Amino acid sequence: MVWDLWVALIVLFLGVIYGYKRPGKENRAAIIKKAVLIGVVLGVILGLLIGVLAPGVSVIGMTIGATIAMVIIAIILALFFVVGTVIGDFLERK
């Protein structure tokens, strides 16, 4: 559980760096859309992998569950990244 906080803080810090280094405002909606797409792709791959490697597990159920979980995780991390870009843009203006 503690590593979740560290991952979120690292993503926030990377967002600050990204927002500070790139001139102008970032397209935050595009960042969220990319995160959802990455979450769907990783979820399908992870679900299929678990379904194939774990005997007796429903491949369809694992694929759907893993996809939903990965999309949620990707959106949460993307939101931390977007908040970091807002902070970076603020620091860039100052």
PDB file of N, CA and C in Angstrom:
ATOM      1  N   MET A   1       0.807  -1.195   0.000  1.00  0.00           N
ATOM      2  CA  MET A   1       0.000   0.000   0.000  1.00  0.00           C
ATOM      3  C   MET A   1       0.850   1.259   0.000  1.00  0.00           C
ATOM      4  N   VAL A   2       1.991   1.194   0.651  1.00  0.00           N
ATOM      5  CA  VAL A   2       2.843   2.374   0.709  1.00  0.00           C
ATOM      6  C   VAL A   2       3.431   2.679  -0.668  1.00  0.00           C
ATOM      7  N   TRP A   3       3.698   1.628  -1.438  1.00  0.00           N
ATOM      8  CA  TRP A   3       4.293   1.865  -2.759  1.00  0.00           C
ATOM      9  C   TRP A   3       3.321   2.588  -3.670  1.00  0.00           C
ATOM     10  N   ASP A   4       2.008   2.433  -3.433  1.00  0.00           N
ATOM     11  CA  ASP A   4       1.021   3.159  -4.235  1.00  0.00           C
ATOM     12  C   ASP A   4       1.215   4.661  -4.104  1.00  0.00           C
ATOM     13  N   LEU A   5       1.474   5.099  -2.871  1.00  0.00           N
ATOM     14  CA  LEU A   5       1.715   6.523  -2.627  1.00  0.00           C
ATOM     15  C   LEU A   5       2.977   6.983  -3.341  1.00  0.00           C
ATOM     16  N   TRP A   6       4.005   6.159  -3.286  1.00  0.00           N
ATOM     17  CA  TRP A   6       5.260   6.526  -3.943  1.00  0.00           C
ATOM     18  C   TRP A   6       5.111   6.597  -5.459  1.00  0.00           C
ATOM     19  N   VAL A   7       4.383   5.654  -6.026  1.00  0.00           N
ATOM     20  CA  VAL A   7       4.143   5.676  -7.474  1.00  0.00           C
ATOM     21  C   VAL A   7       3.368   6.932  -7.848  1.00  0.00           C
ATOM     22  N   ALA A   8       2.348   7.276  -7.078  1.00  0.00           N
ATOM     23  CA  ALA A   8       1.553   8.470  -7.351  1.00  0.00           C
ATOM     24  C   ALA A   8       2.414   9.732  -7.233  1.00  0.00           C
ATOM     25  N   LEU A   9       3.270   9.786  -6.227  1.00  0.00           N
ATOM     26  CA  LEU A   9       4.141  10.960  -6.064  1.00  0.00           C
ATOM     27  C   LEU A   9       5.168  11.061  -7.191  1.00  0.00           C
ATOM     28  N   ILE A  10       5.688   9.933  -7.641  1.00  0.00           N
ATOM     29  CA  ILE A  10       6.627   9.942  -8.762  1.00  0.00           C
ATOM     30  C   ILE A  10       5.929  10.425 -10.029  1.00  0.00           C
ATOM     31  N   VAL A  11       4.707   9.949 -10.276  1.00  0.00           N
ATOM     32  CA  VAL A  11       3.960  10.380 -11.456  1.00  0.00           C
ATOM     33  C   VAL A  11       3.646  11.877 -11.360  1.00  0.00           C
ATOM     34  N   LEU A  12       3.281  12.344 -10.173  1.00  0.00           N
ATOM     35  CA  LEU A  12       3.034  13.776  -9.969  1.00  0.00           C
ATOM     36  C   LEU A  12       4.295  14.581 -10.255  1.00  0.00           C
ATOM     37  N   PHE A  13       5.432  14.128  -9.747  1.00  0.00           N
ATOM     38  CA  PHE A  13       6.704  14.805  -9.979  1.00  0.00           C
ATOM     39  C   PHE A  13       7.068  14.819 -11.462  1.00  0.00           C
ATOM     40  N   LEU A  14       6.845  13.699 -12.151  1.00  0.00           N
ATOM     41  CA  LEU A  14       7.102  13.654 -13.590  1.00  0.00           C
ATOM     42  C   LEU A  14       6.189  14.624 -14.341  1.00  0.00           C
ATOM     43  N   GLY A  15       4.950  14.754 -13.880  1.00  0.00           N
ATOM     44  CA  GLY A  15       4.033  15.720 -14.476  1.00  0.00           C
ATOM     45  C   GLY A  15       4.502  17.145 -14.279  1.00  0.00           C
ATOM     46  N   VAL A  16       5.041  17.446 -13.102  1.00  0.00           N
ATOM     47  CA  VAL A  16       5.584  18.787 -12.840  1.00  0.00           C
ATOM     48  C   VAL A  16       6.743  19.068 -13.789  1.00  0.00           C
ATOM     49  N   ILE A  17       7.628  18.114 -13.936  1.00  0.00           N
ATOM     50  CA  ILE A  17       8.772  18.280 -14.843  1.00  0.00           C
ATOM     51  C   ILE A  17       8.285  18.461 -16.282  1.00  0.00           C
ATOM     52  N   TYR A  18       7.331  17.648 -16.690  1.00  0.00           N
ATOM     53  CA  TYR A  18       6.778  17.728 -18.050  1.00  0.00           C
ATOM     54  C   TYR A  18       6.130  19.086 -18.291  1.00  0.00           C
ATOM     55  N   GLY A  19       5.338  19.547 -17.339  1.00  0.00           N
ATOM     56  CA  GLY A  19       4.676  20.836 -17.485  1.00  0.00           C
ATOM     57  C   GLY A  19       5.644  21.995 -17.464  1.00  0.00           C
ATOM     58  N   TYR A  20       6.713  21.868 -16.702  1.00  0.00           N
ATOM     59  CA  TYR A  20       7.701  22.943 -16.609  1.00  0.00           C
ATOM     60  C   TYR A  20       8.579  23.018 -17.860  1.00  0.00           C
ATOM     61  N   LYS A  21       8.975  21.871 -18.373  1.00  0.00           N
ATOM     62  CA  LYS A  21       9.909  21.835 -19.503  1.00  0.00           C
ATOM     63  C   LYS A  21       9.257  22.151 -20.841  1.00  0.00           C
ATOM     64  N   ARG A  22       7.982  21.773 -21.027  1.00  0.00           N
ATOM     65  CA  ARG A  22       7.309  22.040 -22.305  1.00  0.00           C
ATOM     66  C   ARG A  22       6.717  23.430 -22.286  1.00  0.00           C
ATOM     67  N   PRO A  23       7.055  24.231 -23.272  1.00  0.00           N
ATOM     68  CA  PRO A  23       6.497  25.587 -23.307  1.00  0.00           C
ATOM     69  C   PRO A  23       5.012  25.568 -23.654  1.00  0.00           C
ATOM     70  N   GLY A  24       4.267  26.479 -23.069  1.00  0.00           N
ATOM     71  CA  GLY A  24       2.831  26.585 -23.344  1.00  0.00           C
ATOM     72  C   GLY A  24       2.038  25.593 -22.520  1.00  0.00           C
ATOM     73  N   LYS A  25       0.721  25.654 -22.714  1.00  0.00           N
ATOM     74  CA  LYS A  25      -0.166  24.742 -21.985  1.00  0.00           C
ATOM     75  C   LYS A  25      -0.211  23.388 -22.684  1.00  0.00           C
ATOM     76  N   GLU A  26      -0.331  22.350 -21.873  1.00  0.00           N
ATOM     77  CA  GLU A  26      -0.433  21.006 -22.411  1.00  0.00           C
ATOM     78  C   GLU A  26      -1.898  20.674 -22.710  1.00  0.00           C
ATOM     79  N   ASN A  27      -2.105  19.779 -23.653  1.00  0.00           N
ATOM     80  CA  ASN A  27      -3.445  19.315 -23.979  1.00  0.00           C
ATOM     81  C   ASN A  27      -3.792  18.199 -22.990  1.00  0.00           C
ATOM     82  N   ARG A  28      -4.426  18.588 -21.905  1.00  0.00           N
ATOM     83  CA  ARG A  28      -4.696  17.642 -20.821  1.00  0.00           C
ATOM     84  C   ARG A  28      -5.727  16.596 -21.211  1.00  0.00           C
ATOM     85  N   ALA A  29      -6.676  16.956 -22.053  1.00  0.00           N
ATOM     86  CA  ALA A  29      -7.677  15.975 -22.506  1.00  0.00           C
ATOM     87  C   ALA A  29      -7.008  14.861 -23.309  1.00  0.00           C
ATOM     88  N   ALA A  30      -6.021  15.220 -24.116  1.00  0.00           N
ATOM     89  CA  ALA A  30      -5.292  14.212 -24.899  1.00  0.00           C
ATOM     90  C   ALA A  30      -4.501  13.283 -23.979  1.00  0.00           C
ATOM     91  N   ILE A  31      -3.968  13.809 -22.892  1.00  0.00           N
ATOM     92  CA  ILE A  31      -3.231  12.984 -21.937  1.00  0.00           C
ATOM     93  C   ILE A  31      -4.172  11.956 -21.311  1.00  0.00           C
ATOM     94  N   ILE A  32      -5.375  12.385 -20.932  1.00  0.00           N
ATOM     95  CA  ILE A  32      -6.348  11.471 -20.333  1.00  0.00           C
ATOM     96  C   ILE A  32      -6.783  10.416 -21.356  1.00  0.00           C
ATOM     97  N   LYS A  33      -7.009  10.830 -22.613  1.00  0.00           N
ATOM     98  CA  LYS A  33      -7.421   9.884 -23.655  1.00  0.00           C
ATOM     99  C   LYS A  33      -6.345   8.833 -23.894  1.00  0.00           C
ATOM    100  N   LYS A  34      -5.090   9.255 -23.921  1.00  0.00           N
ATOM    101  CA  LYS A  34      -3.996   8.302 -24.093  1.00  0.00           C
ATOM    102  C   LYS A  34      -3.922   7.340 -22.920  1.00  0.00           C
ATOM    103  N   ALA A  35      -4.178   7.833 -21.710  1.00  0.00           N
ATOM    104  CA  ALA A  35      -4.148   6.973 -20.530  1.00  0.00           C
ATOM    105  C   ALA A  35      -5.237   5.916 -20.599  1.00  0.00           C
ATOM    106  N   VAL A  36      -6.430   6.301 -21.048  1.00  0.00           N
ATOM    107  CA  VAL A  36      -7.515   5.323 -21.175  1.00  0.00           C
ATOM    108  C   VAL A  36      -7.149   4.275 -22.219  1.00  0.00           C
ATOM    109  N   LEU A  37      -6.602   4.700 -23.346  1.00  0.00           N
ATOM    110  CA  LEU A  37      -6.208   3.756 -24.390  1.00  0.00           C
ATOM    111  C   LEU A  37      -5.127   2.798 -23.891  1.00  0.00           C
ATOM    112  N   ILE A  38      -4.136   3.322 -23.202  1.00  0.00           N
ATOM    113  CA  ILE A  38      -3.075   2.478 -22.654  1.00  0.00           C
ATOM    114  C   ILE A  38      -3.644   1.513 -21.622  1.00  0.00           C
ATOM    115  N   GLY A  39      -4.574   1.988 -20.797  1.00  0.00           N
ATOM    116  CA  GLY A  39      -5.200   1.123 -19.805  1.00  0.00           C
ATOM    117  C   GLY A  39      -5.974  -0.016 -20.438  1.00  0.00           C
ATOM    118  N   VAL A  40      -6.701   0.268 -21.517  1.00  0.00           N
ATOM    119  CA  VAL A  40      -7.456  -0.781 -22.206  1.00  0.00           C
ATOM    120  C   VAL A  40      -6.503  -1.813 -22.805  1.00  0.00           C
ATOM    121  N   VAL A  41      -5.467  -1.357 -23.481  1.00  0.00           N
ATOM    122  CA  VAL A  41      -4.517  -2.278 -24.110  1.00  0.00           C
ATOM    123  C   VAL A  41      -3.819  -3.137 -23.060  1.00  0.00           C
ATOM    124  N   LEU A  42      -3.314  -2.509 -21.997  1.00  0.00           N
ATOM    125  CA  LEU A  42      -2.637  -3.278 -20.950  1.00  0.00           C
ATOM    126  C   LEU A  42      -3.594  -4.225 -20.242  1.00  0.00           C
ATOM    127  N   GLY A  43      -4.827  -3.793 -20.037  1.00  0.00           N
ATOM    128  CA  GLY A  43      -5.805  -4.646 -19.389  1.00  0.00           C
ATOM    129  C   GLY A  43      -6.127  -5.886 -20.202  1.00  0.00           C
ATOM    130  N   VAL A  44      -6.313  -5.725 -21.498  1.00  0.00           N
ATOM    131  CA  VAL A  44      -6.601  -6.875 -22.360  1.00  0.00           C
ATOM    132  C   VAL A  44      -5.410  -7.832 -22.375  1.00  0.00           C
ATOM    133  N   ILE A  45      -4.217  -7.292 -22.516  1.00  0.00           N
ATOM    134  CA  ILE A  45      -3.020  -8.143 -22.531  1.00  0.00           C
ATOM    135  C   ILE A  45      -2.865  -8.871 -21.205  1.00  0.00           C
ATOM    136  N   LEU A  46      -3.016  -8.151 -20.090  1.00  0.00           N
ATOM    137  CA  LEU A  46      -2.869  -8.768 -18.777  1.00  0.00           C
ATOM    138  C   LEU A  46      -3.951  -9.807 -18.525  1.00  0.00           C
ATOM    139  N   GLY A  47      -5.191  -9.499 -18.901  1.00  0.00           N
ATOM    140  CA  GLY A  47      -6.282 -10.451 -18.716  1.00  0.00           C
ATOM    141  C   GLY A  47      -6.082 -11.719 -19.512  1.00  0.00           C
ATOM    142  N   LEU A  48      -5.668 -11.577 -20.764  1.00  0.00           N
ATOM    143  CA  LEU A  48      -5.411 -12.760 -21.590  1.00  0.00           C
ATOM    144  C   LEU A  48      -4.242 -13.570 -21.042  1.00  0.00           C
ATOM    145  N   LEU A  49      -3.217 -12.883 -20.589  1.00  0.00           N
ATOM    146  CA  LEU A  49      -2.048 -13.565 -20.036  1.00  0.00           C
ATOM    147  C   LEU A  49      -2.417 -14.347 -18.776  1.00  0.00           C
ATOM    148  N   ILE A  50      -3.174 -13.716 -17.887  1.00  0.00           N
ATOM    149  CA  ILE A  50      -3.605 -14.419 -16.670  1.00  0.00           C
ATOM    150  C   ILE A  50      -4.533 -15.573 -17.020  1.00  0.00           C
ATOM    151  N   GLY A  51      -5.442 -15.347 -17.957  1.00  0.00           N
ATOM    152  CA  GLY A  51      -6.371 -16.399 -18.357  1.00  0.00           C
ATOM    153  C   GLY A  51      -5.679 -17.601 -18.957  1.00  0.00           C
ATOM    154  N   VAL A  52      -4.603 -17.370 -19.693  1.00  0.00           N
ATOM    155  CA  VAL A  52      -3.868 -18.474 -20.312  1.00  0.00           C
ATOM    156  C   VAL A  52      -2.973 -19.182 -19.289  1.00  0.00           C
ATOM    157  N   LEU A  53      -2.344 -18.434 -18.417  1.00  0.00           N
ATOM    158  CA  LEU A  53      -1.385 -19.019 -17.475  1.00  0.00           C
ATOM    159  C   LEU A  53      -2.040 -19.639 -16.242  1.00  0.00           C
ATOM    160  N   ALA A  54      -3.200 -19.153 -15.832  1.00  0.00           N
ATOM    161  CA  ALA A  54      -3.856 -19.677 -14.630  1.00  0.00           C
ATOM    162  C   ALA A  54      -4.874 -20.744 -15.033  1.00  0.00           C
ATOM    163  N   PRO A  55      -4.660 -21.973 -14.620  1.00  0.00           N
ATOM    164  CA  PRO A  55      -5.603 -23.035 -14.997  1.00  0.00           C
ATOM    165  C   PRO A  55      -6.935 -22.873 -14.257  1.00  0.00           C
ATOM    166  N   GLY A  56      -8.007 -23.106 -14.981  1.00  0.00           N
ATOM    167  CA  GLY A  56      -9.328 -23.059 -14.381  1.00  0.00           C
ATOM    168  C   GLY A  56      -9.923 -21.669 -14.241  1.00  0.00           C
ATOM    169  N   VAL A  57      -9.278 -20.686 -14.794  1.00  0.00           N
ATOM    170  CA  VAL A  57      -9.772 -19.312 -14.703  1.00  0.00           C
ATOM    171  C   VAL A  57     -10.438 -18.959 -16.028  1.00  0.00           C
ATOM    172  N   SER A  58     -11.549 -18.293 -15.948  1.00  0.00           N
ATOM    173  CA  SER A  58     -12.258 -17.867 -17.155  1.00  0.00           C
ATOM    174  C   SER A  58     -11.466 -16.771 -17.863  1.00  0.00           C
ATOM    175  N   VAL A  59     -11.088 -17.041 -19.094  1.00  0.00           N
ATOM    176  CA  VAL A  59     -10.299 -16.075 -19.861  1.00  0.00           C
ATOM    177  C   VAL A  59     -11.104 -14.805 -20.098  1.00  0.00           C
ATOM    178  N   ILE A  60     -12.377 -14.940 -20.430  1.00  0.00           N
ATOM    179  CA  ILE A  60     -13.207 -13.762 -20.703  1.00  0.00           C
ATOM    180  C   ILE A  60     -13.383 -12.943 -19.434  1.00  0.00           C
ATOM    181  N   GLY A  61     -13.655 -13.614 -18.329  1.00  0.00           N
ATOM    182  CA  GLY A  61     -13.826 -12.904 -17.060  1.00  0.00           C
ATOM    183  C   GLY A  61     -12.570 -12.178 -16.624  1.00  0.00           C
ATOM    184  N   MET A  62     -11.432 -12.844 -16.765  1.00  0.00           N
ATOM    185  CA  MET A  62     -10.168 -12.209 -16.379  1.00  0.00           C
ATOM    186  C   MET A  62      -9.831 -11.040 -17.301  1.00  0.00           C
ATOM    187  N   THR A  63     -10.123 -11.196 -18.585  1.00  0.00           N
ATOM    188  CA  THR A  63      -9.832 -10.111 -19.528  1.00  0.00           C
ATOM    189  C   THR A  63     -10.678  -8.891 -19.213  1.00  0.00           C
ATOM    190  N   ILE A  64     -11.958  -9.097 -18.957  1.00  0.00           N
ATOM    191  CA  ILE A  64     -12.837  -7.971 -18.638  1.00  0.00           C
ATOM    192  C   ILE A  64     -12.426  -7.328 -17.311  1.00  0.00           C
ATOM    193  N   GLY A  65     -12.170  -8.147 -16.302  1.00  0.00           N
ATOM    194  CA  GLY A  65     -11.778  -7.622 -14.995  1.00  0.00           C
ATOM    195  C   GLY A  65     -10.457  -6.877 -15.040  1.00  0.00           C
ATOM    196  N   ALA A  66      -9.479  -7.445 -15.721  1.00  0.00           N
ATOM    197  CA  ALA A  66      -8.172  -6.799 -15.811  1.00  0.00           C
ATOM    198  C   ALA A  66      -8.263  -5.513 -16.618  1.00  0.00           C
ATOM    199  N   THR A  67      -9.081  -5.499 -17.655  1.00  0.00           N
ATOM    200  CA  THR A  67      -9.231  -4.292 -18.461  1.00  0.00           C
ATOM    201  C   THR A  67      -9.845  -3.169 -17.637  1.00  0.00           C
ATOM    202  N   ILE A  68     -10.892  -3.483 -16.895  1.00  0.00           N
ATOM    203  CA  ILE A  68     -11.517  -2.460 -16.057  1.00  0.00           C
ATOM    204  C   ILE A  68     -10.535  -1.948 -15.006  1.00  0.00           C
ATOM    205  N   ALA A  69      -9.806  -2.856 -14.365  1.00  0.00           N
ATOM    206  CA  ALA A  69      -8.840  -2.460 -13.341  1.00  0.00           C
ATOM    207  C   ALA A  69      -7.730  -1.591 -13.926  1.00  0.00           C
ATOM    208  N   MET A  70      -7.199  -1.980 -15.071  1.00  0.00           N
ATOM    209  CA  MET A  70      -6.107  -1.209 -15.668  1.00  0.00           C
ATOM    210  C   MET A  70      -6.569   0.162 -16.141  1.00  0.00           C
ATOM    211  N   VAL A  71      -7.794   0.262 -16.651  1.00  0.00           N
ATOM    212  CA  VAL A  71      -8.319   1.562 -17.064  1.00  0.00           C
ATOM    213  C   VAL A  71      -8.442   2.477 -15.848  1.00  0.00           C
ATOM    214  N   ILE A  72      -8.947   1.946 -14.748  1.00  0.00           N
ATOM    215  CA  ILE A  72      -9.078   2.756 -13.532  1.00  0.00           C
ATOM    216  C   ILE A  72      -7.711   3.211 -13.039  1.00  0.00           C
ATOM    217  N   ILE A  73      -6.745   2.307 -13.003  1.00  0.00           N
ATOM    218  CA  ILE A  73      -5.397   2.652 -12.555  1.00  0.00           C
ATOM    219  C   ILE A  73      -4.782   3.698 -13.485  1.00  0.00           C
ATOM    220  N   ALA A  74      -4.934   3.512 -14.796  1.00  0.00           N
ATOM    221  CA  ALA A  74      -4.353   4.457 -15.756  1.00  0.00           C
ATOM    222  C   ALA A  74      -4.994   5.837 -15.617  1.00  0.00           C
ATOM    223  N   ILE A  75      -6.297   5.899 -15.390  1.00  0.00           N
ATOM    224  CA  ILE A  75      -6.962   7.192 -15.237  1.00  0.00           C
ATOM    225  C   ILE A  75      -6.488   7.886 -13.961  1.00  0.00           C
ATOM    226  N   ILE A  76      -6.373   7.139 -12.873  1.00  0.00           N
ATOM    227  CA  ILE A  76      -5.914   7.745 -11.622  1.00  0.00           C
ATOM    228  C   ILE A  76      -4.494   8.286 -11.779  1.00  0.00           C
ATOM    229  N   LEU A  77      -3.613   7.502 -12.378  1.00  0.00           N
ATOM    230  CA  LEU A  77      -2.242   7.979 -12.580  1.00  0.00           C
ATOM    231  C   LEU A  77      -2.196   9.149 -13.558  1.00  0.00           C
ATOM    232  N   ALA A  78      -3.052   9.129 -14.576  1.00  0.00           N
ATOM    233  CA  ALA A  78      -3.103  10.248 -15.517  1.00  0.00           C
ATOM    234  C   ALA A  78      -3.579  11.516 -14.827  1.00  0.00           C
ATOM    235  N   LEU A  79      -4.515  11.386 -13.899  1.00  0.00           N
ATOM    236  CA  LEU A  79      -4.978  12.560 -13.164  1.00  0.00           C
ATOM    237  C   LEU A  79      -3.855  13.151 -12.309  1.00  0.00           C
ATOM    238  N   PHE A  80      -3.055  12.288 -11.680  1.00  0.00           N
ATOM    239  CA  PHE A  80      -1.892  12.788 -10.942  1.00  0.00           C
ATOM    240  C   PHE A  80      -0.923  13.489 -11.890  1.00  0.00           C
ATOM    241  N   PHE A  81      -0.724  12.911 -13.070  1.00  0.00           N
ATOM    242  CA  PHE A  81       0.175  13.516 -14.054  1.00  0.00           C
ATOM    243  C   PHE A  81      -0.358  14.873 -14.509  1.00  0.00           C
ATOM    244  N   VAL A  82      -1.662  14.957 -14.761  1.00  0.00           N
ATOM    245  CA  VAL A  82      -2.269  16.215 -15.212  1.00  0.00           C
ATOM    246  C   VAL A  82      -2.149  17.281 -14.123  1.00  0.00           C
ATOM    247  N   VAL A  83      -2.366  16.898 -12.869  1.00  0.00           N
ATOM    248  CA  VAL A  83      -2.181  17.861 -11.768  1.00  0.00           C
ATOM    249  C   VAL A  83      -0.728  18.328 -11.741  1.00  0.00           C
ATOM    250  N   GLY A  84       0.188  17.411 -11.984  1.00  0.00           N
ATOM    251  CA  GLY A  84       1.599  17.789 -12.058  1.00  0.00           C
ATOM    252  C   GLY A  84       1.878  18.760 -13.193  1.00  0.00           C
ATOM    253  N   THR A  85       1.224  18.575 -14.346  1.00  0.00           N
ATOM    254  CA  THR A  85       1.434  19.514 -15.450  1.00  0.00           C
ATOM    255  C   THR A  85       0.873  20.886 -15.120  1.00  0.00           C
ATOM    256  N   VAL A  86      -0.218  20.926 -14.378  1.00  0.00           N
ATOM    257  CA  VAL A  86      -0.777  22.222 -13.948  1.00  0.00           C
ATOM    258  C   VAL A  86       0.222  22.933 -13.040  1.00  0.00           C
ATOM    259  N   ILE A  87       0.799  22.207 -12.103  1.00  0.00           N
ATOM    260  CA  ILE A  87       1.802  22.789 -11.209  1.00  0.00           C
ATOM    261  C   ILE A  87       3.022  23.225 -12.009  1.00  0.00           C
ATOM    262  N   GLY A  88       3.471  22.398 -12.957  1.00  0.00           N
ATOM    263  CA  GLY A  88       4.621  22.747 -13.801  1.00  0.00           C
ATOM    264  C   GLY A  88       4.357  23.983 -14.648  1.00  0.00           C
ATOM    265  N   ASP A  89       3.147  24.099 -15.213  1.00  0.00           N
ATOM    266  CA  ASP A  89       2.803  25.287 -15.983  1.00  0.00           C
ATOM    267  C   ASP A  89       2.791  26.537 -15.104  1.00  0.00           C
ATOM    268  N   PHE A  90       2.303  26.372 -13.878  1.00  0.00           N
ATOM    269  CA  PHE A  90       2.306  27.486 -12.936  1.00  0.00           C
ATOM    270  C   PHE A  90       3.734  27.927 -12.617  1.00  0.00           C
ATOM    271  N   LEU A  91       4.615  26.960 -12.365  1.00  0.00           N
ATOM    272  CA  LEU A  91       6.013  27.289 -12.081  1.00  0.00           C
ATOM    273  C   LEU A  91       6.701  27.903 -13.299  1.00  0.00           C
ATOM    274  N   GLU A  92       6.317  27.444 -14.491  1.00  0.00           N
ATOM    275  CA  GLU A  92       6.907  27.989 -15.718  1.00  0.00           C
ATOM    276  C   GLU A  92       6.540  29.457 -15.888  1.00  0.00           C
ATOM    277  N   ARG A  93       5.296  29.807 -15.568  1.00  0.00           N
ATOM    278  CA  ARG A  93       4.866  31.206 -15.688  1.00  0.00           C
ATOM    279  C   ARG A  93       5.546  32.104 -14.679  1.00  0.00           C
ATOM    280  N   LYS A  94       5.886  31.570 -13.521  1.00  0.00           N
ATOM    281  CA  LYS A  94       6.543  32.366 -12.486  1.00  0.00           C
ATOM    282  C   LYS A  94       8.003  32.464 -12.821  1.00  0.00           C
TER     283      LYS A  94
END
